[in-house]
Amino acid sequence: ELDQFVKNKLKARYYIRYVDDFVILHEEKEKLSG
């Protein structure tokens, strides 16, 4: 459910999840804060 939200609603391209750990990469710090 979280994966689908991050990928389809937030449109975060560089997202990886492993069990309850996840990481999102981006060029802008402000975007990640949002």
ModelCIF file with pLDDT and N, C-alpha, C, O atoms, coordinates in Angstrom:
data_MODEL
#
_entry.id   MODEL 
#
_entity.id                         1 
_entity.type                       polymer 
_entity.pdbx_number_of_molecules   1 
#
_entity_poly.entity_id                      1 
_entity_poly.type                           'polypeptide(L)' 
_entity_poly.nstd_linkage                   no 
_entity_poly.nstd_monomer                   no 
_entity_poly.pdbx_seq_one_letter_code       ELDQFVKNKLKARYYIRYVDDFVILHEEKEKLSG 
_entity_poly.pdbx_seq_one_letter_code_can   ELDQFVKNKLKARYYIRYVDDFVILHEEKEKLSG 
_entity_poly.pdbx_strand_id                 A 
#
loop_
_entity_poly_seq.entity_id 
_entity_poly_seq.num 
_entity_poly_seq.mon_id 
_entity_poly_seq.hetero 
1 1  GLU n 
1 2  LEU n 
1 3  ASP n 
1 4  GLN n 
1 5  PHE n 
1 6  VAL n 
1 7  LYS n 
1 8  ASN n 
1 9  LYS n 
1 10 LEU n 
1 11 LYS n 
1 12 ALA n 
1 13 ARG n 
1 14 TYR n 
1 15 TYR n 
1 16 ILE n 
1 17 ARG n 
1 18 TYR n 
1 19 VAL n 
1 20 ASP n 
1 21 ASP n 
1 22 PHE n 
1 23 VAL n 
1 24 ILE n 
1 25 LEU n 
1 26 HIS n 
1 27 GLU n 
1 28 GLU n 
1 29 LYS n 
1 30 GLU n 
1 31 LYS n 
1 32 LEU n 
1 33 SER n 
1 34 GLY n 
#
_struct_asym.id          A 
_struct_asym.entity_id   1 
#
loop_
_ma_qa_metric.id 
_ma_qa_metric.mode 
_ma_qa_metric.name 
_ma_qa_metric.software_group_id 
_ma_qa_metric.type 
1 global pLDDT . pLDDT 
2 local  pLDDT . pLDDT 
#
_ma_qa_metric_global.metric_id      1 
_ma_qa_metric_global.metric_value   97.59 
_ma_qa_metric_global.model_id       1 
_ma_qa_metric_global.ordinal_id     1 
#
loop_
_ma_qa_metric_local.label_asym_id 
_ma_qa_metric_local.label_comp_id 
_ma_qa_metric_local.label_seq_id 
_ma_qa_metric_local.metric_id 
_ma_qa_metric_local.metric_value 
_ma_qa_metric_local.model_id 
_ma_qa_metric_local.ordinal_id 
A GLU 1  2 98.00 1 1  
A LEU 2  2 98.00 1 2  
A ASP 3  2 98.00 1 3  
A GLN 4  2 98.00 1 4  
A PHE 5  2 98.00 1 5  
A VAL 6  2 98.00 1 6  
A LYS 7  2 98.00 1 7  
A ASN 8  2 97.00 1 8  
A LYS 9  2 98.00 1 9  
A LEU 10 2 98.00 1 10 
A LYS 11 2 98.00 1 11 
A ALA 12 2 98.00 1 12 
A ARG 13 2 97.00 1 13 
A TYR 14 2 98.00 1 14 
A TYR 15 2 98.00 1 15 
A ILE 16 2 98.00 1 16 
A ARG 17 2 98.00 1 17 
A TYR 18 2 97.00 1 18 
A VAL 19 2 96.00 1 19 
A ASP 20 2 96.00 1 20 
A ASP 21 2 96.00 1 21 
A PHE 22 2 98.00 1 22 
A VAL 23 2 98.00 1 23 
A ILE 24 2 98.00 1 24 
A LEU 25 2 98.00 1 25 
A HIS 26 2 98.00 1 26 
A GLU 27 2 96.00 1 27 
A GLU 28 2 97.00 1 28 
A LYS 29 2 97.00 1 29 
A GLU 30 2 97.00 1 30 
A LYS 31 2 98.00 1 31 
A LEU 32 2 98.00 1 32 
A SER 33 2 98.00 1 33 
A GLY 34 2 98.00 1 34 
#
loop_
_atom_site.group_PDB 
_atom_site.id 
_atom_site.type_symbol 
_atom_site.label_atom_id 
_atom_site.label_alt_id 
_atom_site.label_comp_id 
_atom_site.label_asym_id 
_atom_site.label_entity_id 
_atom_site.label_seq_id 
_atom_site.pdbx_PDB_ins_code 
_atom_site.Cartn_x 
_atom_site.Cartn_y 
_atom_site.Cartn_z 
_atom_site.occupancy 
_atom_site.B_iso_or_equiv 
_atom_site.pdbx_formal_charge 
_atom_site.auth_seq_id 
_atom_site.auth_comp_id 
_atom_site.auth_asym_id 
_atom_site.auth_atom_id 
_atom_site.pdbx_PDB_model_num 
ATOM 1   N N  . GLU A 1 1  ? 0.831  -1.201 0.000  1.00 98.00 ? 1  GLU A N  1 
ATOM 2   C CA . GLU A 1 1  ? 0.000  0.000  0.000  1.00 98.00 ? 1  GLU A CA 1 
ATOM 3   C C  . GLU A 1 1  ? 0.868  1.255  0.000  1.00 98.00 ? 1  GLU A C  1 
ATOM 4   O O  . GLU A 1 1  ? 0.603  2.205  -0.736 1.00 98.00 ? 1  GLU A O  1 
ATOM 5   N N  . LEU A 1 2  ? 1.911  1.247  0.836  1.00 98.00 ? 2  LEU A N  1 
ATOM 6   C CA . LEU A 1 2  ? 2.853  2.371  0.866  1.00 98.00 ? 2  LEU A CA 1 
ATOM 7   C C  . LEU A 1 2  ? 3.603  2.476  -0.462 1.00 98.00 ? 2  LEU A C  1 
ATOM 8   O O  . LEU A 1 2  ? 3.775  3.570  -1.000 1.00 98.00 ? 2  LEU A O  1 
ATOM 9   N N  . ASP A 1 3  ? 4.044  1.337  -0.982 1.00 98.00 ? 3  ASP A N  1 
ATOM 10  C CA . ASP A 1 3  ? 4.781  1.328  -2.252 1.00 98.00 ? 3  ASP A CA 1 
ATOM 11  C C  . ASP A 1 3  ? 3.960  1.989  -3.363 1.00 98.00 ? 3  ASP A C  1 
ATOM 12  O O  . ASP A 1 3  ? 4.466  2.814  -4.123 1.00 98.00 ? 3  ASP A O  1 
ATOM 13  N N  . GLN A 1 4  ? 2.691  1.608  -3.436 1.00 98.00 ? 4  GLN A N  1 
ATOM 14  C CA . GLN A 1 4  ? 1.833  2.139  -4.494 1.00 98.00 ? 4  GLN A CA 1 
ATOM 15  C C  . GLN A 1 4  ? 1.616  3.645  -4.311 1.00 98.00 ? 4  GLN A C  1 
ATOM 16  O O  . GLN A 1 4  ? 1.562  4.395  -5.285 1.00 98.00 ? 4  GLN A O  1 
ATOM 17  N N  . PHE A 1 5  ? 1.496  4.068  -3.069 1.00 98.00 ? 5  PHE A N  1 
ATOM 18  C CA . PHE A 1 5  ? 1.328  5.498  -2.780 1.00 98.00 ? 5  PHE A CA 1 
ATOM 19  C C  . PHE A 1 5  ? 2.561  6.281  -3.224 1.00 98.00 ? 5  PHE A C  1 
ATOM 20  O O  . PHE A 1 5  ? 2.444  7.314  -3.883 1.00 98.00 ? 5  PHE A O  1 
ATOM 21  N N  . VAL A 1 6  ? 3.741  5.784  -2.859 1.00 98.00 ? 6  VAL A N  1 
ATOM 22  C CA . VAL A 1 6  ? 4.990  6.490  -3.188 1.00 98.00 ? 6  VAL A CA 1 
ATOM 23  C C  . VAL A 1 6  ? 5.209  6.542  -4.699 1.00 98.00 ? 6  VAL A C  1 
ATOM 24  O O  . VAL A 1 6  ? 5.604  7.574  -5.243 1.00 98.00 ? 6  VAL A O  1 
ATOM 25  N N  . LYS A 1 7  ? 4.949  5.416  -5.371 1.00 98.00 ? 7  LYS A N  1 
ATOM 26  C CA . LYS A 1 7  ? 5.211  5.358  -6.809 1.00 98.00 ? 7  LYS A CA 1 
ATOM 27  C C  . LYS A 1 7  ? 4.130  6.064  -7.642 1.00 98.00 ? 7  LYS A C  1 
ATOM 28  O O  . LYS A 1 7  ? 4.447  6.776  -8.595 1.00 98.00 ? 7  LYS A O  1 
ATOM 29  N N  . ASN A 1 8  ? 2.858  5.865  -7.280 1.00 97.00 ? 8  ASN A N  1 
ATOM 30  C CA . ASN A 1 8  ? 1.768  6.336  -8.136 1.00 97.00 ? 8  ASN A CA 1 
ATOM 31  C C  . ASN A 1 8  ? 1.197  7.690  -7.729 1.00 97.00 ? 8  ASN A C  1 
ATOM 32  O O  . ASN A 1 8  ? 0.723  8.444  -8.579 1.00 97.00 ? 8  ASN A O  1 
ATOM 33  N N  . LYS A 1 9  ? 1.238  8.001  -6.437 1.00 98.00 ? 9  LYS A N  1 
ATOM 34  C CA . LYS A 1 9  ? 0.716  9.300  -5.977 1.00 98.00 ? 9  LYS A CA 1 
ATOM 35  C C  . LYS A 1 9  ? 1.831  10.345 -5.874 1.00 98.00 ? 9  LYS A C  1 
ATOM 36  O O  . LYS A 1 9  ? 1.697  11.461 -6.376 1.00 98.00 ? 9  LYS A O  1 
ATOM 37  N N  . LEU A 1 10 ? 2.935  9.967  -5.216 1.00 98.00 ? 10 LEU A N  1 
ATOM 38  C CA . LEU A 1 10 ? 4.043  10.912 -5.087 1.00 98.00 ? 10 LEU A CA 1 
ATOM 39  C C  . LEU A 1 10 ? 4.894  10.965 -6.353 1.00 98.00 ? 10 LEU A C  1 
ATOM 40  O O  . LEU A 1 10 ? 5.641  11.919 -6.571 1.00 98.00 ? 10 LEU A O  1 
ATOM 41  N N  . LYS A 1 11 ? 4.774  9.928  -7.185 1.00 98.00 ? 11 LYS A N  1 
ATOM 42  C CA . LYS A 1 11 ? 5.556  9.845  -8.423 1.00 98.00 ? 11 LYS A CA 1 
ATOM 43  C C  . LYS A 1 11 ? 7.062  9.854  -8.144 1.00 98.00 ? 11 LYS A C  1 
ATOM 44  O O  . LYS A 1 11 ? 7.844  10.418 -8.909 1.00 98.00 ? 11 LYS A O  1 
ATOM 45  N N  . ALA A 1 12 ? 7.453  9.219  -7.033 1.00 98.00 ? 12 ALA A N  1 
ATOM 46  C CA . ALA A 1 12 ? 8.880  9.124  -6.698 1.00 98.00 ? 12 ALA A CA 1 
ATOM 47  C C  . ALA A 1 12 ? 9.512  8.030  -7.559 1.00 98.00 ? 12 ALA A C  1 
ATOM 48  O O  . ALA A 1 12 ? 9.107  6.870  -7.471 1.00 98.00 ? 12 ALA A O  1 
ATOM 49  N N  . ARG A 1 13 ? 10.479 8.376  -8.375 1.00 97.00 ? 13 ARG A N  1 
ATOM 50  C CA . ARG A 1 13 ? 11.067 7.432  -9.327 1.00 97.00 ? 13 ARG A CA 1 
ATOM 51  C C  . ARG A 1 13 ? 12.085 6.515  -8.658 1.00 97.00 ? 13 ARG A C  1 
ATOM 52  O O  . ARG A 1 13 ? 12.193 5.340  -9.010 1.00 97.00 ? 13 ARG A O  1 
ATOM 53  N N  . TYR A 1 14 ? 12.830 7.050  -7.692 1.00 98.00 ? 14 TYR A N  1 
ATOM 54  C CA . TYR A 1 14 ? 13.981 6.307  -7.172 1.00 98.00 ? 14 TYR A CA 1 
ATOM 55  C C  . TYR A 1 14 ? 13.713 5.846  -5.736 1.00 98.00 ? 14 TYR A C  1 
ATOM 56  O O  . TYR A 1 14 ? 14.273 6.368  -4.772 1.00 98.00 ? 14 TYR A O  1 
ATOM 57  N N  . TYR A 1 15 ? 12.841 4.855  -5.638 1.00 98.00 ? 15 TYR A N  1 
ATOM 58  C CA . TYR A 1 15 ? 12.355 4.349  -4.350 1.00 98.00 ? 15 TYR A CA 1 
ATOM 59  C C  . TYR A 1 15 ? 12.658 2.855  -4.254 1.00 98.00 ? 15 TYR A C  1 
ATOM 60  O O  . TYR A 1 15 ? 12.420 2.103  -5.199 1.00 98.00 ? 15 TYR A O  1 
ATOM 61  N N  . ILE A 1 16 ? 13.184 2.436  -3.108 1.00 98.00 ? 16 ILE A N  1 
ATOM 62  C CA . ILE A 1 16 ? 13.474 1.018  -2.853 1.00 98.00 ? 16 ILE A CA 1 
ATOM 63  C C  . ILE A 1 16 ? 12.972 0.681  -1.457 1.00 98.00 ? 16 ILE A C  1 
ATOM 64  O O  . ILE A 1 16 ? 13.173 1.443  -0.512 1.00 98.00 ? 16 ILE A O  1 
ATOM 65  N N  . ARG A 1 17 ? 12.311 -0.479 -1.337 1.00 98.00 ? 17 ARG A N  1 
ATOM 66  C CA . ARG A 1 17 ? 11.905 -0.935 0.007  1.00 98.00 ? 17 ARG A CA 1 
ATOM 67  C C  . ARG A 1 17 ? 12.411 -2.350 0.249  1.00 98.00 ? 17 ARG A C  1 
ATOM 68  O O  . ARG A 1 17 ? 12.375 -3.208 -0.633 1.00 98.00 ? 17 ARG A O  1 
ATOM 69  N N  . TYR A 1 18 ? 12.885 -2.566 1.476  1.00 97.00 ? 18 TYR A N  1 
ATOM 70  C CA . TYR A 1 18 ? 13.284 -3.905 1.922  1.00 97.00 ? 18 TYR A CA 1 
ATOM 71  C C  . TYR A 1 18 ? 12.668 -4.109 3.305  1.00 97.00 ? 18 TYR A C  1 
ATOM 72  O O  . TYR A 1 18 ? 13.153 -3.553 4.291  1.00 97.00 ? 18 TYR A O  1 
ATOM 73  N N  . VAL A 1 19 ? 11.615 -4.893 3.378  1.00 96.00 ? 19 VAL A N  1 
ATOM 74  C CA . VAL A 1 19 ? 10.779 -5.072 4.584  1.00 96.00 ? 19 VAL A CA 1 
ATOM 75  C C  . VAL A 1 19 ? 10.315 -3.688 5.044  1.00 96.00 ? 19 VAL A C  1 
ATOM 76  O O  . VAL A 1 19 ? 9.611  -3.007 4.297  1.00 96.00 ? 19 VAL A O  1 
ATOM 77  N N  . ASP A 1 20 ? 10.687 -3.253 6.249  1.00 96.00 ? 20 ASP A N  1 
ATOM 78  C CA . ASP A 1 20 ? 10.193 -1.972 6.757  1.00 96.00 ? 20 ASP A CA 1 
ATOM 79  C C  . ASP A 1 20 ? 11.196 -0.841 6.581  1.00 96.00 ? 20 ASP A C  1 
ATOM 80  O O  . ASP A 1 20 ? 10.961 0.268  7.060  1.00 96.00 ? 20 ASP A O  1 
ATOM 81  N N  . ASP A 1 21 ? 12.307 -1.100 5.904  1.00 96.00 ? 21 ASP A N  1 
ATOM 82  C CA . ASP A 1 21 ? 13.275 -0.057 5.568  1.00 96.00 ? 21 ASP A CA 1 
ATOM 83  C C  . ASP A 1 21 ? 13.036 0.406  4.139  1.00 96.00 ? 21 ASP A C  1 
ATOM 84  O O  . ASP A 1 21 ? 12.815 -0.415 3.249  1.00 96.00 ? 21 ASP A O  1 
ATOM 85  N N  . PHE A 1 22 ? 13.078 1.704  3.915  1.00 98.00 ? 22 PHE A N  1 
ATOM 86  C CA . PHE A 1 22 ? 12.966 2.177  2.537  1.00 98.00 ? 22 PHE A CA 1 
ATOM 87  C C  . PHE A 1 22 ? 13.835 3.412  2.331  1.00 98.00 ? 22 PHE A C  1 
ATOM 88  O O  . PHE A 1 22 ? 14.210 4.104  3.277  1.00 98.00 ? 22 PHE A O  1 
ATOM 89  N N  . VAL A 1 23 ? 14.137 3.659  1.073  1.00 98.00 ? 23 VAL A N  1 
ATOM 90  C CA . VAL A 1 23 ? 14.980 4.797  0.711  1.00 98.00 ? 23 VAL A CA 1 
ATOM 91  C C  . VAL A 1 23 ? 14.421 5.417  -0.560 1.00 98.00 ? 23 VAL A C  1 
ATOM 92  O O  . VAL A 1 23 ? 13.993 4.711  -1.473 1.00 98.00 ? 23 VAL A O  1 
ATOM 93  N N  . ILE A 1 24 ? 14.430 6.740  -0.609 1.00 98.00 ? 24 ILE A N  1 
ATOM 94  C CA . ILE A 1 24 ? 14.061 7.484  -1.821 1.00 98.00 ? 24 ILE A CA 1 
ATOM 95  C C  . ILE A 1 24 ? 15.219 8.425  -2.142 1.00 98.00 ? 24 ILE A C  1 
ATOM 96  O O  . ILE A 1 24 ? 15.681 9.161  -1.270 1.00 98.00 ? 24 ILE A O  1 
ATOM 97  N N  . LEU A 1 25 ? 15.681 8.405  -3.372 1.00 98.00 ? 25 LEU A N  1 
ATOM 98  C CA . LEU A 1 25 ? 16.762 9.282  -3.809 1.00 98.00 ? 25 LEU A CA 1 
ATOM 99  C C  . LEU A 1 25 ? 16.198 10.395 -4.682 1.00 98.00 ? 25 LEU A C  1 
ATOM 100 O O  . LEU A 1 25 ? 15.251 10.192 -5.442 1.00 98.00 ? 25 LEU A O  1 
ATOM 101 N N  . HIS A 1 26 ? 16.799 11.575 -4.557 1.00 98.00 ? 26 HIS A N  1 
ATOM 102 C CA . HIS A 1 26 ? 16.362 12.713 -5.381 1.00 98.00 ? 26 HIS A CA 1 
ATOM 103 C C  . HIS A 1 26 ? 17.472 13.750 -5.436 1.00 98.00 ? 26 HIS A C  1 
ATOM 104 O O  . HIS A 1 26 ? 18.356 13.788 -4.580 1.00 98.00 ? 26 HIS A O  1 
ATOM 105 N N  . GLU A 1 27 ? 17.405 14.597 -6.470 1.00 96.00 ? 27 GLU A N  1 
ATOM 106 C CA . GLU A 1 27 ? 18.399 15.664 -6.620 1.00 96.00 ? 27 GLU A CA 1 
ATOM 107 C C  . GLU A 1 27 ? 18.210 16.768 -5.590 1.00 96.00 ? 27 GLU A C  1 
ATOM 108 O O  . GLU A 1 27 ? 19.168 17.442 -5.210 1.00 96.00 ? 27 GLU A O  1 
ATOM 109 N N  . GLU A 1 28 ? 16.942 16.956 -5.128 1.00 97.00 ? 28 GLU A N  1 
ATOM 110 C CA . GLU A 1 28 ? 16.619 18.092 -4.268 1.00 97.00 ? 28 GLU A CA 1 
ATOM 111 C C  . GLU A 1 28 ? 16.208 17.646 -2.870 1.00 97.00 ? 28 GLU A C  1 
ATOM 112 O O  . GLU A 1 28 ? 15.350 16.779 -2.704 1.00 97.00 ? 28 GLU A O  1 
ATOM 113 N N  . LYS A 1 29 ? 16.824 18.244 -1.889 1.00 97.00 ? 29 LYS A N  1 
ATOM 114 C CA . LYS A 1 29 ? 16.507 17.943 -0.484 1.00 97.00 ? 29 LYS A CA 1 
ATOM 115 C C  . LYS A 1 29 ? 15.066 18.342 -0.156 1.00 97.00 ? 29 LYS A C  1 
ATOM 116 O O  . LYS A 1 29 ? 14.371 17.637 0.576  1.00 97.00 ? 29 LYS A O  1 
ATOM 117 N N  . GLU A 1 30 ? 14.623 19.483 -0.708 1.00 97.00 ? 30 GLU A N  1 
ATOM 118 C CA . GLU A 1 30 ? 13.279 19.982 -0.415 1.00 97.00 ? 30 GLU A CA 1 
ATOM 119 C C  . GLU A 1 30 ? 12.199 19.011 -0.914 1.00 97.00 ? 30 GLU A C  1 
ATOM 120 O O  . GLU A 1 30 ? 11.163 18.831 -0.274 1.00 97.00 ? 30 GLU A O  1 
ATOM 121 N N  . LYS A 1 31 ? 12.465 18.397 -2.062 1.00 98.00 ? 31 LYS A N  1 
ATOM 122 C CA . LYS A 1 31 ? 11.503 17.439 -2.606 1.00 98.00 ? 31 LYS A CA 1 
ATOM 123 C C  . LYS A 1 31 ? 11.358 16.236 -1.673 1.00 98.00 ? 31 LYS A C  1 
ATOM 124 O O  . LYS A 1 31 ? 10.249 15.758 -1.433 1.00 98.00 ? 31 LYS A O  1 
ATOM 125 N N  . LEU A 1 32 ? 12.477 15.756 -1.154 1.00 98.00 ? 32 LEU A N  1 
ATOM 126 C CA . LEU A 1 32 ? 12.435 14.622 -0.223 1.00 98.00 ? 32 LEU A CA 1 
ATOM 127 C C  . LEU A 1 32 ? 11.739 14.998 1.083  1.00 98.00 ? 32 LEU A C  1 
ATOM 128 O O  . LEU A 1 32 ? 11.045 14.179 1.686  1.00 98.00 ? 32 LEU A O  1 
ATOM 129 N N  . SER A 1 33 ? 11.929 16.230 1.507  1.00 98.00 ? 33 SER A N  1 
ATOM 130 C CA . SER A 1 33 ? 11.239 16.699 2.720  1.00 98.00 ? 33 SER A CA 1 
ATOM 131 C C  . SER A 1 33 ? 9.722  16.673 2.512  1.00 98.00 ? 33 SER A C  1 
ATOM 132 O O  . SER A 1 33 ? 8.970  16.290 3.409  1.00 98.00 ? 33 SER A O  1 
ATOM 133 N N  . GLY A 1 34 ? 9.285  17.084 1.321  1.00 98.00 ? 34 GLY A N  1 
ATOM 134 C CA . GLY A 1 34 ? 7.859  17.022 0.993  1.00 98.00 ? 34 GLY A CA 1 
ATOM 135 C C  . GLY A 1 34 ? 7.354  15.590 0.954  1.00 98.00 ? 34 GLY A C  1 
ATOM 136 O O  . GLY A 1 34 ? 6.173  15.358 0.692  1.00 98.00 ? 34 GLY A O  1 
#
